[in-house]
N, C-alpha and C. Protein backbone atom coordinates (compact mmCIF):
# COMPACT_ATOMS: atom_id res chain seq x y z
N MET A 1 -0.72 -27.18 -77.75
CA MET A 1 -1.38 -26.89 -76.54
C MET A 1 -0.74 -26.77 -75.17
N THR A 2 0.37 -27.40 -75.19
CA THR A 2 1.09 -27.17 -73.85
C THR A 2 1.49 -25.81 -73.92
N LYS A 3 2.14 -25.39 -74.86
CA LYS A 3 2.75 -23.91 -74.86
C LYS A 3 1.60 -22.84 -74.88
N MET A 4 0.26 -23.19 -75.09
CA MET A 4 -0.74 -21.90 -74.98
C MET A 4 -1.15 -22.19 -73.45
N TYR A 5 -1.03 -23.50 -72.94
CA TYR A 5 -1.35 -23.72 -71.53
C TYR A 5 -0.58 -23.00 -70.39
N TYR A 6 0.80 -23.13 -70.95
CA TYR A 6 1.90 -22.92 -69.73
C TYR A 6 1.62 -21.33 -69.47
N PRO A 7 1.31 -20.33 -70.50
CA PRO A 7 1.44 -18.95 -70.22
C PRO A 7 0.31 -18.61 -69.36
N PHE A 8 -0.79 -19.30 -69.66
CA PHE A 8 -2.06 -19.12 -68.71
C PHE A 8 -1.70 -19.61 -67.25
N ILE A 9 -1.23 -20.67 -67.22
CA ILE A 9 -0.83 -21.26 -65.68
C ILE A 9 0.20 -20.28 -65.20
N MET A 10 0.95 -19.55 -65.56
CA MET A 10 1.73 -18.73 -64.89
C MET A 10 0.98 -17.39 -64.81
N ARG A 11 0.62 -16.73 -65.64
CA ARG A 11 -0.46 -15.67 -65.18
C ARG A 11 -1.44 -15.71 -64.30
N LYS A 12 -1.82 -17.10 -64.08
CA LYS A 12 -2.94 -17.51 -62.93
C LYS A 12 -2.30 -17.30 -61.60
N ILE A 13 -1.00 -17.99 -61.68
CA ILE A 13 0.06 -18.17 -60.33
C ILE A 13 0.47 -16.59 -59.94
N LEU A 14 1.07 -16.06 -61.04
CA LEU A 14 1.31 -14.26 -60.99
C LEU A 14 0.11 -14.00 -60.37
N ASN A 15 -1.22 -13.91 -60.68
CA ASN A 15 -2.09 -13.15 -60.11
C ASN A 15 -2.45 -13.74 -58.73
N ILE A 16 -2.50 -14.82 -58.39
CA ILE A 16 -2.77 -15.44 -57.13
C ILE A 16 -1.57 -14.96 -56.06
N LYS A 17 -0.03 -14.74 -56.72
CA LYS A 17 1.03 -13.91 -56.03
C LYS A 17 0.81 -12.62 -55.77
N ASN A 18 0.24 -11.99 -56.68
CA ASN A 18 -0.06 -10.59 -56.69
C ASN A 18 -1.39 -10.05 -55.33
N LEU A 19 -2.12 -11.01 -55.42
CA LEU A 19 -3.44 -10.96 -54.55
C LEU A 19 -2.82 -11.53 -53.11
N ALA A 20 -1.83 -12.73 -52.97
CA ALA A 20 -1.20 -12.75 -51.78
C ALA A 20 -0.82 -11.48 -51.00
N VAL A 21 0.36 -10.82 -52.35
CA VAL A 21 1.18 -9.70 -51.68
C VAL A 21 0.20 -8.90 -51.16
N LEU A 22 -1.09 -8.36 -51.92
CA LEU A 22 -1.99 -7.22 -51.62
C LEU A 22 -2.44 -7.79 -50.31
N ILE A 23 -3.01 -8.71 -50.31
CA ILE A 23 -3.32 -9.20 -48.53
C ILE A 23 -2.24 -9.07 -47.77
N ILE A 24 -1.20 -9.41 -47.94
CA ILE A 24 -0.26 -9.01 -46.71
C ILE A 24 0.04 -7.41 -46.48
N ILE A 25 0.06 -6.92 -47.66
CA ILE A 25 0.26 -5.51 -47.60
C ILE A 25 -0.97 -4.79 -46.51
N LEU A 26 -2.22 -5.25 -47.23
CA LEU A 26 -3.30 -4.77 -46.38
C LEU A 26 -3.25 -5.13 -44.93
N THR A 27 -3.06 -6.68 -44.60
CA THR A 27 -3.00 -6.96 -43.38
C THR A 27 -1.92 -6.11 -42.71
N SER A 28 -0.89 -5.88 -43.04
CA SER A 28 0.29 -5.31 -42.31
C SER A 28 -0.30 -3.84 -41.93
N THR A 29 -0.96 -3.13 -42.90
CA THR A 29 -1.27 -2.03 -42.69
C THR A 29 -2.24 -1.68 -41.59
N THR A 30 -2.98 -2.55 -41.67
CA THR A 30 -4.12 -2.76 -40.58
C THR A 30 -3.45 -3.04 -39.10
N ILE A 31 -2.58 -4.16 -39.28
CA ILE A 31 -1.84 -4.38 -37.94
C ILE A 31 -1.18 -2.69 -37.45
N VAL A 32 -0.46 -2.44 -38.34
CA VAL A 32 0.38 -1.31 -37.91
C VAL A 32 -0.57 -0.09 -37.45
N TYR A 33 -1.60 0.18 -38.15
CA TYR A 33 -2.56 1.25 -37.65
C TYR A 33 -3.25 0.84 -36.40
N ALA A 34 -3.86 -0.29 -36.40
CA ALA A 34 -4.19 -0.64 -34.96
C ALA A 34 -3.10 -0.56 -33.73
N TYR A 35 -1.95 -1.14 -34.10
CA TYR A 35 -0.91 -1.08 -33.04
C TYR A 35 -0.83 0.34 -32.66
N TYR A 36 -0.44 1.36 -33.56
CA TYR A 36 -0.12 2.54 -33.34
C TYR A 36 -1.20 3.84 -32.84
N PHE A 37 -2.53 3.58 -33.23
CA PHE A 37 -3.44 4.26 -33.24
C PHE A 37 -4.79 3.80 -32.57
N TYR A 38 -5.31 3.08 -32.87
CA TYR A 38 -6.40 2.35 -32.21
C TYR A 38 -6.22 1.80 -30.57
N PRO A 39 -5.11 1.08 -30.35
CA PRO A 39 -4.78 0.49 -28.96
C PRO A 39 -4.58 1.52 -27.93
N LYS A 40 -3.88 2.71 -28.47
CA LYS A 40 -3.49 3.83 -27.66
C LYS A 40 -4.84 4.42 -27.01
N GLN A 41 -5.58 4.82 -28.05
CA GLN A 41 -7.00 5.24 -27.39
C GLN A 41 -7.60 4.60 -26.52
N SER A 42 -7.67 2.98 -27.24
CA SER A 42 -8.31 2.07 -26.07
C SER A 42 -7.79 1.95 -24.94
N LYS A 43 -6.09 2.00 -24.98
CA LYS A 43 -5.44 1.60 -23.37
C LYS A 43 -6.03 2.82 -22.55
N GLU A 44 -5.77 4.08 -23.15
CA GLU A 44 -5.83 5.19 -22.44
C GLU A 44 -7.33 5.20 -21.80
N THR A 45 -8.75 4.75 -22.42
CA THR A 45 -9.72 4.61 -21.91
C THR A 45 -9.76 3.48 -20.80
N ALA A 46 -9.19 2.49 -21.34
CA ALA A 46 -9.17 1.25 -20.05
C ALA A 46 -8.42 2.06 -18.80
N ASP A 47 -7.60 2.36 -19.06
CA ASP A 47 -6.64 2.95 -18.01
C ASP A 47 -7.26 4.16 -17.04
N TYR A 48 -8.07 4.69 -17.66
CA TYR A 48 -9.07 5.77 -16.93
C TYR A 48 -10.07 4.97 -16.03
N GLU A 49 -10.54 4.01 -16.85
CA GLU A 49 -11.73 3.36 -16.04
C GLU A 49 -11.25 2.43 -14.98
N ASP A 50 -9.73 1.88 -15.15
CA ASP A 50 -9.21 1.20 -13.88
C ASP A 50 -9.12 2.23 -12.73
N LEU A 51 -8.83 3.43 -13.29
CA LEU A 51 -8.75 4.64 -11.96
C LEU A 51 -10.13 4.80 -11.53
N GLN A 52 -11.17 4.89 -12.41
CA GLN A 52 -12.36 4.98 -11.93
C GLN A 52 -12.77 3.83 -11.03
N ASN A 53 -12.82 2.57 -11.17
CA ASN A 53 -12.87 1.51 -10.15
C ASN A 53 -12.15 1.24 -9.01
N ASP A 54 -10.84 1.66 -9.15
CA ASP A 54 -10.30 1.88 -7.87
C ASP A 54 -10.60 2.86 -6.97
N TYR A 55 -10.71 4.20 -7.65
CA TYR A 55 -11.29 5.22 -6.78
C TYR A 55 -12.63 4.85 -5.88
N LEU A 56 -13.83 4.10 -6.73
CA LEU A 56 -15.00 3.71 -6.11
C LEU A 56 -14.52 2.67 -5.15
N PHE A 57 -13.61 1.98 -5.72
CA PHE A 57 -13.30 0.63 -4.51
C PHE A 57 -12.61 1.14 -3.10
N ALA A 58 -12.07 2.46 -3.27
CA ALA A 58 -11.20 2.68 -2.12
C ALA A 58 -12.24 3.73 -1.50
N LYS A 59 -13.09 4.06 -2.00
CA LYS A 59 -14.18 5.04 -1.56
C LYS A 59 -15.28 4.19 -0.55
N ALA A 60 -15.30 2.97 -1.04
CA ALA A 60 -16.57 1.98 -0.29
C ALA A 60 -15.79 1.50 0.60
N GLN A 61 -14.33 0.90 0.59
CA GLN A 61 -13.59 -0.02 1.40
C GLN A 61 -12.65 0.57 2.54
N PHE A 62 -12.04 1.86 2.05
CA PHE A 62 -10.99 2.22 2.91
C PHE A 62 -11.37 2.91 3.97
N LYS A 63 -11.27 2.26 5.34
CA LYS A 63 -11.66 2.81 6.56
C LYS A 63 -10.64 2.95 7.58
N PRO A 64 -9.96 4.06 7.37
CA PRO A 64 -8.66 4.35 8.34
C PRO A 64 -9.25 4.33 9.86
N GLY A 65 -8.21 3.76 10.86
CA GLY A 65 -8.91 3.98 12.18
C GLY A 65 -9.01 5.46 12.63
N ASP A 66 -9.80 5.61 13.63
CA ASP A 66 -10.02 6.79 14.34
C ASP A 66 -10.14 8.04 13.29
N CYS A 67 -10.81 7.78 12.22
CA CYS A 67 -11.03 8.72 11.25
C CYS A 67 -12.50 8.46 10.48
N LYS A 68 -13.18 9.52 10.18
CA LYS A 68 -14.53 9.33 9.55
C LYS A 68 -14.35 10.24 8.11
N LYS A 69 -15.24 9.64 7.12
CA LYS A 69 -14.93 10.22 5.98
C LYS A 69 -15.80 11.46 5.65
N VAL A 70 -15.25 12.59 5.36
CA VAL A 70 -15.77 13.90 5.12
C VAL A 70 -16.62 13.96 4.06
N VAL A 71 -17.90 14.04 4.43
CA VAL A 71 -18.83 14.40 3.07
C VAL A 71 -18.99 15.42 2.61
N VAL A 72 -18.54 14.96 1.41
CA VAL A 72 -18.40 16.25 0.25
C VAL A 72 -19.34 15.80 -0.82
N SER A 73 -19.25 16.49 -1.94
CA SER A 73 -19.81 16.23 -3.26
C SER A 73 -18.75 15.44 -4.00
N SER A 74 -18.70 14.16 -3.49
CA SER A 74 -17.66 13.00 -3.85
C SER A 74 -17.58 12.91 -5.56
N GLU A 75 -19.10 13.20 -6.02
CA GLU A 75 -19.28 12.62 -7.34
C GLU A 75 -19.08 13.98 -8.20
N SER A 76 -18.62 15.09 -7.69
CA SER A 76 -18.66 16.57 -8.32
C SER A 76 -17.60 16.59 -9.36
N LYS A 77 -17.85 17.23 -10.49
CA LYS A 77 -17.00 17.15 -11.80
C LYS A 77 -16.03 18.17 -11.71
N THR A 78 -14.95 18.18 -10.73
CA THR A 78 -13.75 18.92 -10.82
C THR A 78 -13.22 19.15 -11.88
N SER A 79 -12.56 20.39 -12.24
CA SER A 79 -11.75 20.43 -13.28
C SER A 79 -11.14 21.96 -13.39
N ILE A 80 -10.11 22.19 -13.98
CA ILE A 80 -9.71 23.58 -14.00
C ILE A 80 -9.65 23.89 -15.47
N SER A 81 -9.70 25.26 -15.76
CA SER A 81 -9.35 25.92 -17.02
C SER A 81 -8.06 26.37 -16.93
N SER A 82 -7.14 25.96 -18.04
CA SER A 82 -5.74 26.27 -18.02
C SER A 82 -5.68 27.65 -18.64
N THR A 83 -4.92 28.37 -17.56
CA THR A 83 -4.50 29.96 -17.85
C THR A 83 -3.45 29.94 -19.08
N GLU A 84 -3.61 30.56 -20.23
CA GLU A 84 -2.92 31.04 -21.45
C GLU A 84 -1.31 30.95 -21.07
N ASN A 85 -0.59 29.99 -21.59
CA ASN A 85 0.65 30.01 -21.24
C ASN A 85 1.51 29.35 -22.60
N MET A 86 2.86 29.26 -22.44
CA MET A 86 3.51 28.84 -23.85
C MET A 86 3.89 27.32 -23.56
N LEU A 87 3.76 26.62 -22.12
CA LEU A 87 4.07 25.44 -22.07
C LEU A 87 2.90 24.43 -22.29
N ILE A 88 1.73 24.54 -21.84
CA ILE A 88 0.70 23.79 -21.88
C ILE A 88 -0.31 23.87 -22.71
N THR A 89 -0.56 22.89 -23.79
CA THR A 89 -1.83 23.57 -24.76
C THR A 89 -3.00 23.01 -24.42
N ALA A 90 -3.21 22.13 -23.47
CA ALA A 90 -4.56 21.77 -22.94
C ALA A 90 -5.03 23.02 -22.46
N LYS A 91 -6.55 22.91 -22.48
CA LYS A 91 -7.49 24.01 -21.93
C LYS A 91 -8.05 23.73 -20.68
N CYS A 92 -8.15 22.30 -20.43
CA CYS A 92 -8.75 21.85 -19.17
C CYS A 92 -8.00 20.53 -18.84
N ASP A 93 -8.24 20.25 -17.65
CA ASP A 93 -7.59 18.81 -16.93
C ASP A 93 -8.66 17.78 -17.07
N ASN A 94 -9.68 17.85 -17.98
CA ASN A 94 -10.58 16.56 -18.01
C ASN A 94 -10.04 15.52 -18.69
N PHE A 95 -10.42 14.24 -18.61
CA PHE A 95 -9.90 13.40 -19.44
C PHE A 95 -10.86 13.39 -20.72
N GLN A 96 -9.98 13.28 -21.83
CA GLN A 96 -10.39 13.47 -23.15
C GLN A 96 -11.39 14.78 -23.31
N LYS A 97 -11.06 15.69 -22.55
CA LYS A 97 -12.05 16.96 -22.65
C LYS A 97 -13.45 16.67 -22.33
N ASN A 98 -13.78 15.44 -21.62
CA ASN A 98 -15.00 15.45 -21.31
C ASN A 98 -15.34 15.89 -19.52
N ALA A 99 -16.31 16.75 -19.49
CA ALA A 99 -16.22 17.53 -18.23
C ALA A 99 -17.02 16.29 -17.34
N LEU A 100 -17.40 15.34 -17.65
CA LEU A 100 -17.86 14.31 -16.76
C LEU A 100 -16.81 13.36 -16.19
N LYS A 101 -15.44 13.56 -16.82
CA LYS A 101 -14.41 12.49 -16.44
C LYS A 101 -13.23 13.31 -15.88
N PRO A 102 -13.44 13.85 -14.61
CA PRO A 102 -12.35 14.36 -14.41
C PRO A 102 -11.02 13.57 -14.02
N ARG A 103 -9.75 14.12 -14.07
CA ARG A 103 -8.56 13.31 -13.86
C ARG A 103 -8.24 13.61 -12.48
N ASN A 104 -8.60 14.16 -11.67
CA ASN A 104 -8.48 14.34 -10.17
C ASN A 104 -9.69 14.12 -9.25
N LYS A 105 -9.53 12.88 -8.63
CA LYS A 105 -10.65 12.32 -7.85
C LYS A 105 -9.96 12.45 -6.29
N LYS A 106 -10.94 12.62 -5.52
CA LYS A 106 -10.45 13.02 -4.12
C LYS A 106 -11.16 12.12 -3.03
N LEU A 107 -10.59 11.57 -2.02
CA LEU A 107 -11.38 11.01 -0.86
C LEU A 107 -10.62 12.04 0.26
N ILE A 108 -11.54 12.39 1.17
CA ILE A 108 -11.28 13.34 2.28
C ILE A 108 -11.69 12.73 3.50
N PHE A 109 -10.78 12.36 4.56
CA PHE A 109 -11.06 12.04 5.67
C PHE A 109 -10.50 12.99 7.12
N LEU A 110 -11.17 12.95 8.19
CA LEU A 110 -10.96 13.60 9.28
C LEU A 110 -10.45 12.81 10.60
N ASP A 111 -9.45 13.26 11.02
CA ASP A 111 -9.00 12.46 12.37
C ASP A 111 -9.56 13.15 13.18
N GLN A 112 -10.91 12.30 14.25
CA GLN A 112 -11.57 13.28 15.10
C GLN A 112 -10.87 13.73 16.31
N LYS A 113 -9.91 13.05 16.76
CA LYS A 113 -9.16 13.46 18.11
C LYS A 113 -8.49 14.79 17.85
N GLU A 114 -7.70 14.95 16.73
CA GLU A 114 -7.28 16.60 16.63
C GLU A 114 -7.63 17.23 15.45
N LYS A 115 -8.60 16.71 14.97
CA LYS A 115 -9.28 17.63 13.50
C LYS A 115 -8.10 17.65 12.65
N ILE A 116 -7.41 16.56 12.08
CA ILE A 116 -6.31 16.49 11.17
C ILE A 116 -7.05 16.15 9.77
N LEU A 117 -6.82 16.83 8.91
CA LEU A 117 -7.72 16.81 7.47
C LEU A 117 -6.70 15.87 6.62
N PHE A 118 -7.09 14.53 6.21
CA PHE A 118 -6.38 13.98 5.25
C PHE A 118 -7.11 13.98 3.81
N THR A 119 -6.31 14.47 2.76
CA THR A 119 -7.02 14.49 1.29
C THR A 119 -6.23 13.54 0.52
N ILE A 120 -6.66 12.66 -0.08
CA ILE A 120 -5.93 11.77 -0.81
C ILE A 120 -6.67 11.81 -2.41
N SER A 121 -5.75 12.58 -2.87
CA SER A 121 -5.90 13.08 -4.40
C SER A 121 -5.31 12.00 -5.53
N CYS A 122 -6.27 11.50 -6.58
CA CYS A 122 -5.85 10.23 -7.26
C CYS A 122 -5.85 11.05 -8.83
N PHE A 123 -4.58 11.20 -9.18
CA PHE A 123 -4.58 11.90 -10.45
C PHE A 123 -4.27 10.72 -11.95
N HIS A 124 -5.12 10.79 -12.75
CA HIS A 124 -4.83 9.91 -13.82
C HIS A 124 -3.86 10.48 -14.32
N THR A 125 -3.02 9.30 -14.97
CA THR A 125 -1.60 9.45 -15.75
C THR A 125 -1.41 7.99 -16.24
N ASN A 126 -0.80 7.86 -17.47
CA ASN A 126 -0.45 6.68 -17.83
C ASN A 126 1.42 6.56 -18.21
N LYS A 127 1.85 7.40 -17.43
CA LYS A 127 3.37 7.46 -17.68
C LYS A 127 4.03 6.59 -16.74
N PHE A 128 3.51 6.02 -15.39
CA PHE A 128 4.25 5.37 -14.56
C PHE A 128 3.91 3.87 -14.50
N LYS A 129 4.84 2.77 -14.02
CA LYS A 129 4.26 1.63 -14.52
C LYS A 129 4.40 0.88 -12.91
N GLU A 130 5.58 1.01 -12.19
CA GLU A 130 5.64 0.12 -10.63
C GLU A 130 5.41 0.97 -9.88
N PRO A 131 4.95 0.62 -8.84
CA PRO A 131 4.63 1.18 -7.31
C PRO A 131 5.91 2.06 -7.22
N ASP A 132 5.97 3.11 -6.58
CA ASP A 132 6.83 4.14 -6.13
C ASP A 132 6.60 5.01 -5.13
N ILE A 133 7.50 5.89 -4.51
CA ILE A 133 7.07 6.94 -3.48
C ILE A 133 8.17 7.98 -3.96
N VAL A 134 7.55 9.10 -3.83
CA VAL A 134 8.29 10.45 -4.04
C VAL A 134 8.45 11.03 -2.78
N ALA A 135 9.90 11.64 -2.37
CA ALA A 135 9.78 12.07 -0.69
C ALA A 135 9.59 13.57 -1.08
N ILE A 136 8.73 14.47 0.03
CA ILE A 136 8.54 15.58 -0.17
C ILE A 136 9.10 16.31 1.26
N ASP A 137 10.10 17.44 1.11
CA ASP A 137 10.68 17.85 2.17
C ASP A 137 9.72 18.54 3.17
N THR A 138 10.12 18.58 4.41
CA THR A 138 9.26 19.14 5.40
C THR A 138 10.28 20.27 5.93
N LEU A 139 9.79 21.53 6.27
CA LEU A 139 10.10 22.73 6.59
C LEU A 139 10.16 22.28 8.02
N TYR A 140 11.27 22.22 8.92
CA TYR A 140 11.24 22.13 10.18
C TYR A 140 11.25 23.65 10.89
N LYS A 141 10.87 23.54 12.26
CA LYS A 141 10.95 24.86 13.08
C LYS A 141 12.48 25.55 12.98
N LYS A 142 13.47 24.51 13.32
CA LYS A 142 14.88 25.15 13.23
C LYS A 142 15.02 25.81 11.98
N GLN A 143 14.74 24.96 10.83
CA GLN A 143 15.34 25.42 9.55
C GLN A 143 14.32 26.59 9.11
N THR A 144 13.08 26.98 9.60
CA THR A 144 12.37 28.19 9.21
C THR A 144 12.61 29.24 10.27
N LYS A 145 13.05 29.02 11.48
CA LYS A 145 13.17 30.03 12.51
C LYS A 145 13.74 31.57 11.98
N ALA A 146 14.61 31.49 11.15
CA ALA A 146 15.59 32.87 10.56
C ALA A 146 14.81 33.36 9.33
N TRP A 147 13.91 32.37 8.92
CA TRP A 147 13.00 33.18 7.80
C TRP A 147 11.64 34.17 8.03
N PHE A 148 10.99 33.63 9.19
CA PHE A 148 9.84 34.24 9.86
C PHE A 148 9.95 34.93 11.03
N ASN A 149 9.12 35.63 11.57
CA ASN A 149 9.10 36.25 12.80
C ASN A 149 8.50 35.19 13.91
N ASP A 150 8.87 35.48 15.05
CA ASP A 150 8.49 34.44 16.11
C ASP A 150 6.74 34.07 16.13
N ASP A 151 6.26 35.27 15.96
CA ASP A 151 4.74 35.09 15.94
C ASP A 151 4.04 34.47 14.96
N VAL A 152 4.85 34.28 13.78
CA VAL A 152 4.02 33.39 12.81
C VAL A 152 3.78 32.08 12.97
N THR A 153 2.94 31.64 12.75
CA THR A 153 2.30 30.19 13.07
C THR A 153 2.94 29.39 11.93
N ARG A 154 3.62 28.45 12.33
CA ARG A 154 4.35 27.24 11.25
C ARG A 154 3.28 26.11 11.48
N TYR A 155 2.40 26.05 10.75
CA TYR A 155 1.47 24.76 10.51
C TYR A 155 2.23 23.44 10.27
N PRO A 156 1.96 22.48 11.10
CA PRO A 156 2.61 21.19 10.72
C PRO A 156 1.90 20.73 9.77
N TYR A 157 2.66 20.03 8.93
CA TYR A 157 2.08 19.40 7.39
C TYR A 157 2.94 18.26 6.99
N ASP A 158 2.45 17.32 6.29
CA ASP A 158 2.89 16.25 5.55
C ASP A 158 2.31 16.09 4.51
N GLN A 159 3.09 15.55 3.33
CA GLN A 159 2.63 15.39 2.26
C GLN A 159 3.20 13.77 1.99
N PHE A 160 2.60 13.27 1.26
CA PHE A 160 3.05 11.82 0.43
C PHE A 160 2.65 11.67 -0.95
N ILE A 161 3.22 11.04 -1.82
CA ILE A 161 3.23 10.90 -3.17
C ILE A 161 3.61 9.32 -3.53
N ILE A 162 2.48 8.89 -4.05
CA ILE A 162 2.60 7.42 -4.36
C ILE A 162 2.16 7.36 -5.87
N ILE A 163 3.00 6.32 -6.36
CA ILE A 163 2.93 6.24 -8.01
C ILE A 163 2.51 4.87 -7.98
N TYR A 164 1.24 4.53 -8.25
CA TYR A 164 0.52 3.34 -8.35
C TYR A 164 -0.42 2.88 -9.45
N ARG A 165 -0.01 2.26 -10.42
CA ARG A 165 -0.73 1.85 -11.65
C ARG A 165 -1.00 2.84 -12.65
N GLU A 166 -2.32 3.53 -12.66
CA GLU A 166 -2.35 4.62 -13.72
C GLU A 166 -2.64 5.75 -12.74
N SER A 167 -2.03 5.99 -11.44
CA SER A 167 -2.54 7.04 -10.54
C SER A 167 -1.32 7.63 -10.23
N PHE A 168 -1.27 8.94 -9.95
CA PHE A 168 -0.29 9.65 -9.24
C PHE A 168 -0.89 10.30 -7.83
N ILE A 169 -0.82 9.76 -6.74
CA ILE A 169 -1.59 9.84 -5.66
C ILE A 169 -0.82 10.57 -4.67
N LEU A 170 -1.33 11.66 -4.42
CA LEU A 170 -1.13 12.72 -3.36
C LEU A 170 -1.97 12.62 -2.14
N ILE A 171 -1.20 12.39 -0.80
CA ILE A 171 -1.56 12.31 0.27
C ILE A 171 -1.31 13.73 0.95
N ASP A 172 -2.10 14.61 1.28
CA ASP A 172 -2.06 15.84 1.86
C ASP A 172 -2.63 15.73 3.38
N CYS A 173 -1.64 15.85 4.31
CA CYS A 173 -2.02 15.95 5.96
C CYS A 173 -2.33 17.38 6.34
N THR A 174 -3.09 17.96 6.86
CA THR A 174 -3.21 19.19 7.28
C THR A 174 -3.97 19.41 8.76
N TYR A 175 -3.40 20.06 9.75
CA TYR A 175 -3.74 20.22 11.10
C TYR A 175 -4.76 21.46 10.66
N LEU A 176 -6.07 21.21 11.45
CA LEU A 176 -7.20 22.44 11.42
C LEU A 176 -7.00 22.90 12.72
N ASP A 177 -8.09 24.19 12.65
CA ASP A 177 -8.49 24.89 13.82
C ASP A 177 -7.46 25.09 15.13
N LYS A 178 -6.20 25.50 14.94
CA LYS A 178 -5.21 25.78 15.59
C LYS A 178 -4.34 26.92 15.08
N ASN A 179 -3.93 27.64 16.30
CA ASN A 179 -3.06 28.76 16.07
C ASN A 179 -1.85 28.55 16.52
N THR A 180 -1.41 27.76 17.39
CA THR A 180 -0.36 27.61 17.95
C THR A 180 -0.18 25.72 18.25
N TYR A 181 0.85 25.21 18.33
CA TYR A 181 0.94 23.80 18.53
C TYR A 181 1.98 23.35 19.54
N SER A 182 1.62 22.48 20.37
CA SER A 182 2.40 22.09 21.35
C SER A 182 3.45 21.08 20.72
N GLU A 183 4.61 20.63 21.30
CA GLU A 183 5.91 19.87 21.05
C GLU A 183 4.73 18.33 20.64
N ALA A 184 3.85 17.92 21.70
CA ALA A 184 3.16 16.93 21.82
C ALA A 184 2.38 16.74 20.84
N GLU A 185 1.81 17.78 20.39
CA GLU A 185 0.85 17.99 19.43
C GLU A 185 1.46 17.83 17.76
N VAL A 186 2.51 18.30 17.95
CA VAL A 186 3.37 18.11 16.60
C VAL A 186 3.66 16.71 16.43
N ALA A 187 4.02 16.03 17.43
CA ALA A 187 4.69 14.62 17.57
C ALA A 187 3.46 13.99 17.06
N TYR A 188 2.26 14.11 17.54
CA TYR A 188 0.86 13.29 17.49
C TYR A 188 0.44 13.34 15.88
N PHE A 189 0.75 14.67 15.35
CA PHE A 189 0.46 15.11 14.11
C PHE A 189 1.04 14.10 13.09
N LYS A 190 2.68 14.25 13.29
CA LYS A 190 3.69 13.44 12.48
C LYS A 190 3.19 11.58 12.48
N LEU A 191 3.07 11.21 13.96
CA LEU A 191 2.72 9.91 14.05
C LEU A 191 1.48 9.66 13.26
N ARG A 192 0.45 10.26 13.39
CA ARG A 192 -0.67 10.28 12.81
C ARG A 192 -0.82 10.21 11.36
N SER A 193 -0.15 10.99 10.74
CA SER A 193 0.34 10.98 9.21
C SER A 193 0.59 9.97 8.86
N ARG A 194 1.87 9.34 9.25
CA ARG A 194 2.51 8.42 8.87
C ARG A 194 1.74 6.98 9.16
N LEU A 195 0.94 6.94 10.12
CA LEU A 195 -0.15 5.91 10.28
C LEU A 195 -1.07 5.84 9.11
N PHE A 196 -1.47 7.05 8.80
CA PHE A 196 -2.71 7.24 7.88
C PHE A 196 -2.01 6.50 6.50
N PHE A 197 -0.74 7.23 6.13
CA PHE A 197 -0.07 6.83 4.83
C PHE A 197 0.19 5.08 4.85
N GLN A 198 0.45 4.73 5.94
CA GLN A 198 0.86 3.41 5.99
C GLN A 198 -0.47 2.62 5.84
N GLU A 199 -1.52 2.92 6.41
CA GLU A 199 -2.86 2.31 6.11
C GLU A 199 -3.46 2.14 4.73
N PHE A 200 -3.05 3.52 4.07
CA PHE A 200 -3.62 3.55 2.74
C PHE A 200 -2.90 2.66 1.83
N ALA A 201 -1.49 2.64 1.89
CA ALA A 201 -0.55 2.10 1.30
C ALA A 201 -0.77 0.50 1.29
N ASN A 202 -0.86 -0.01 2.65
CA ASN A 202 -1.28 -1.38 2.81
C ASN A 202 -2.66 -1.63 2.19
N PHE A 203 -3.50 -0.85 1.94
CA PHE A 203 -4.83 -1.12 1.63
C PHE A 203 -4.90 -1.39 -0.28
N LEU A 204 -3.84 -0.48 -0.70
CA LEU A 204 -3.50 -0.68 -2.09
C LEU A 204 -2.97 -1.93 -2.34
N ASN A 205 -1.96 -2.44 -1.44
CA ASN A 205 -1.22 -3.66 -1.69
C ASN A 205 -2.14 -4.60 -1.59
N ASP A 206 -3.37 -4.55 -0.49
CA ASP A 206 -4.09 -5.80 -0.35
C ASP A 206 -5.36 -6.12 -1.35
N LYS A 207 -5.66 -4.62 -1.91
CA LYS A 207 -6.84 -4.90 -2.92
C LYS A 207 -6.97 -6.03 -4.01
């Protein structure tokens, strides 16, 4: 009786072990699939929602001094269709090809004293982690004197790029309604542009 019972017990133990191994394999496969596939899509969606929330918060709360918000179709669904090329396979720049989810969101302000236009473009990306700044060289008058005729107007401009959370933020500063600019006007533009950048960077830090 003992001899007959022993194989039965062993078979039962082996079956339990096989079942345990099968459960471990299925669990591991599920975890691997969830880690490499589902969370990626879920995180990308969460990142885009963070951008949307940050944008709406800035739209409501960011109020730079001496500037008014330019009334544009701020909820417009902007996108581009990619021209055929060998480098980029995407056909448009919307998030997940959804026309209702543009990856480029803008805030536009106007300095009322000198009509300087400040455009904040927030581009969705998930490639950056820590806040950072990228310098953009400005073409100065002395540098460009030999390149252009004296009658060509060289418009003062400034650009700043901030890497923040899931956004690549471009701040573009443009002087409007002028054909010529005095040294005092250029100096004011430079000061005002840097002040605008400082205000927005501080706003992001404090939110």
